[in-house]
Amino acid sequence: MKFQFQELNIIYDKTALLIIVSILSVLSIFQLLDILKKRHGMEFVRSSLSSKAERDRFAKFKHLIKSDNHVLMT
């Protein structure tokens, strides 16, 4: 009888682990979708800038971010 309870505990532990892993994978998918949405949003912002001055400011800002990231990586 005691052996059967141990088997049930192992089954419950495996089921709980499977549920946790499933939840984490769903959360990862939501994070990836959020990242893609933000990137698409940046493309929308860049394409919707109307004046040349605004486009130039955006390009300068983007260049500064890229150069800062390059400095941090090296």
C-alpha atoms as a PDB file:
ATOM      1  CA  MET A   1       0.000   0.000   0.000  1.00  0.00           C
ATOM      2  CA  LYS A   2       2.812   2.429   0.840  1.00  0.00           C
ATOM      3  CA  PHE A   3       4.454   1.730  -2.531  1.00  0.00           C
ATOM      4  CA  GLN A   4       1.288   2.814  -4.371  1.00  0.00           C
ATOM      5  CA  PHE A   5       1.243   6.156  -2.527  1.00  0.00           C
ATOM      6  CA  GLN A   6       4.852   6.785  -3.535  1.00  0.00           C
ATOM      7  CA  GLU A   7       3.951   6.084  -7.164  1.00  0.00           C
ATOM      8  CA  LEU A   8       1.044   8.517  -6.927  1.00  0.00           C
ATOM      9  CA  ASN A   9       3.325  11.192  -5.442  1.00  0.00           C
ATOM     10  CA  ILE A  10       5.762  10.728  -8.324  1.00  0.00           C
ATOM     11  CA  ILE A  11       2.920  11.027 -10.836  1.00  0.00           C
ATOM     12  CA  TYR A  12       1.642  14.201  -9.135  1.00  0.00           C
ATOM     13  CA  ASP A  13       5.166  15.659  -9.045  1.00  0.00           C
ATOM     14  CA  LYS A  14       5.645  14.966 -12.760  1.00  0.00           C
ATOM     15  CA  THR A  15       2.240  16.443 -13.551  1.00  0.00           C
ATOM     16  CA  ALA A  16       3.002  19.573 -11.525  1.00  0.00           C
ATOM     17  CA  LEU A  17       6.353  19.928 -13.282  1.00  0.00           C
ATOM     18  CA  LEU A  18       4.689  19.539 -16.675  1.00  0.00           C
ATOM     19  CA  ILE A  19       2.124  22.214 -15.786  1.00  0.00           C
ATOM     20  CA  ILE A  20       4.863  24.609 -14.643  1.00  0.00           C
ATOM     21  CA  VAL A  21       6.890  24.057 -17.817  1.00  0.00           C
ATOM     22  CA  SER A  22       3.763  24.591 -19.938  1.00  0.00           C
ATOM     23  CA  ILE A  23       2.972  27.859 -18.173  1.00  0.00           C
ATOM     24  CA  LEU A  24       6.553  29.078 -18.614  1.00  0.00           C
ATOM     25  CA  SER A  25       6.525  28.248 -22.319  1.00  0.00           C
ATOM     26  CA  VAL A  26       3.256  30.141 -22.791  1.00  0.00           C
ATOM     27  CA  LEU A  27       4.729  33.134 -20.954  1.00  0.00           C
ATOM     28  CA  SER A  28       7.813  32.961 -23.197  1.00  0.00           C
ATOM     29  CA  ILE A  29       5.602  33.028 -26.276  1.00  0.00           C
ATOM     30  CA  PHE A  30       3.774  36.089 -24.926  1.00  0.00           C
ATOM     31  CA  GLN A  31       7.107  37.821 -24.282  1.00  0.00           C
ATOM     32  CA  LEU A  32       8.252  37.095 -27.837  1.00  0.00           C
ATOM     33  CA  LEU A  33       4.991  38.438 -29.225  1.00  0.00           C
ATOM     34  CA  ASP A  34       5.400  41.580 -27.123  1.00  0.00           C
ATOM     35  CA  ILE A  35       8.937  42.090 -28.457  1.00  0.00           C
ATOM     36  CA  LEU A  36       7.741  41.653 -32.034  1.00  0.00           C
ATOM     37  CA  LYS A  37       4.888  44.074 -31.429  1.00  0.00           C
ATOM     38  CA  LYS A  38       7.299  46.678 -30.052  1.00  0.00           C
ATOM     39  CA  ARG A  39       9.643  46.274 -33.025  1.00  0.00           C
ATOM     40  CA  HIS A  40       6.746  46.608 -35.442  1.00  0.00           C
ATOM     41  CA  GLY A  41       5.666  49.688 -33.530  1.00  0.00           C
ATOM     42  CA  MET A  42       9.107  51.250 -33.979  1.00  0.00           C
ATOM     43  CA  GLU A  43       8.902  50.610 -37.724  1.00  0.00           C
ATOM     44  CA  PHE A  44       5.492  52.286 -37.734  1.00  0.00           C
ATOM     45  CA  VAL A  45       6.875  55.298 -35.866  1.00  0.00           C
ATOM     46  CA  ARG A  46       9.785  55.581 -38.273  1.00  0.00           C
ATOM     47  CA  SER A  47       7.570  55.361 -41.350  1.00  0.00           C
ATOM     48  CA  SER A  48       5.022  57.829 -40.014  1.00  0.00           C
ATOM     49  CA  LEU A  49       7.439  60.675 -39.293  1.00  0.00           C
ATOM     50  CA  SER A  50       6.356  63.470 -41.572  1.00  0.00           C
ATOM     51  CA  SER A  51       8.980  66.178 -41.726  1.00  0.00           C
ATOM     52  CA  LYS A  52      12.603  65.764 -42.721  1.00  0.00           C
ATOM     53  CA  ALA A  53      13.738  67.334 -39.443  1.00  0.00           C
ATOM     54  CA  GLU A  54      11.826  64.709 -37.465  1.00  0.00           C
ATOM     55  CA  ARG A  55      13.296  61.924 -39.603  1.00  0.00           C
ATOM     56  CA  ASP A  56      16.797  63.325 -39.087  1.00  0.00           C
ATOM     57  CA  ARG A  57      16.318  63.535 -35.310  1.00  0.00           C
ATOM     58  CA  PHE A  58      15.044  59.972 -35.251  1.00  0.00           C
ATOM     59  CA  ALA A  59      18.003  58.766 -37.349  1.00  0.00           C
ATOM     60  CA  LYS A  60      20.464  60.566 -35.050  1.00  0.00           C
ATOM     61  CA  PHE A  61      18.809  59.043 -31.977  1.00  0.00           C
ATOM     62  CA  LYS A  62      18.872  55.575 -33.550  1.00  0.00           C
ATOM     63  CA  HIS A  63      22.556  56.002 -34.449  1.00  0.00           C
ATOM     64  CA  LEU A  64      23.390  57.031 -30.871  1.00  0.00           C
ATOM     65  CA  ILE A  65      21.651  53.949 -29.503  1.00  0.00           C
ATOM     66  CA  LYS A  66      23.528  51.689 -31.924  1.00  0.00           C
ATOM     67  CA  SER A  67      26.875  53.275 -31.056  1.00  0.00           C
ATOM     68  CA  ASP A  68      26.169  52.978 -27.306  1.00  0.00           C
ATOM     69  CA  ASN A  69      25.277  49.303 -27.711  1.00  0.00           C
ATOM     70  CA  HIS A  70      28.471  48.734 -29.685  1.00  0.00           C
ATOM     71  CA  VAL A  71      30.552  50.354 -26.929  1.00  0.00           C
ATOM     72  CA  LEU A  72      28.829  48.243 -24.264  1.00  0.00           C
ATOM     73  CA  MET A  73      29.462  45.016 -26.184  1.00  0.00           C
ATOM     74  CA  THR A  74      33.203  45.612 -26.619  1.00  0.00           C
END
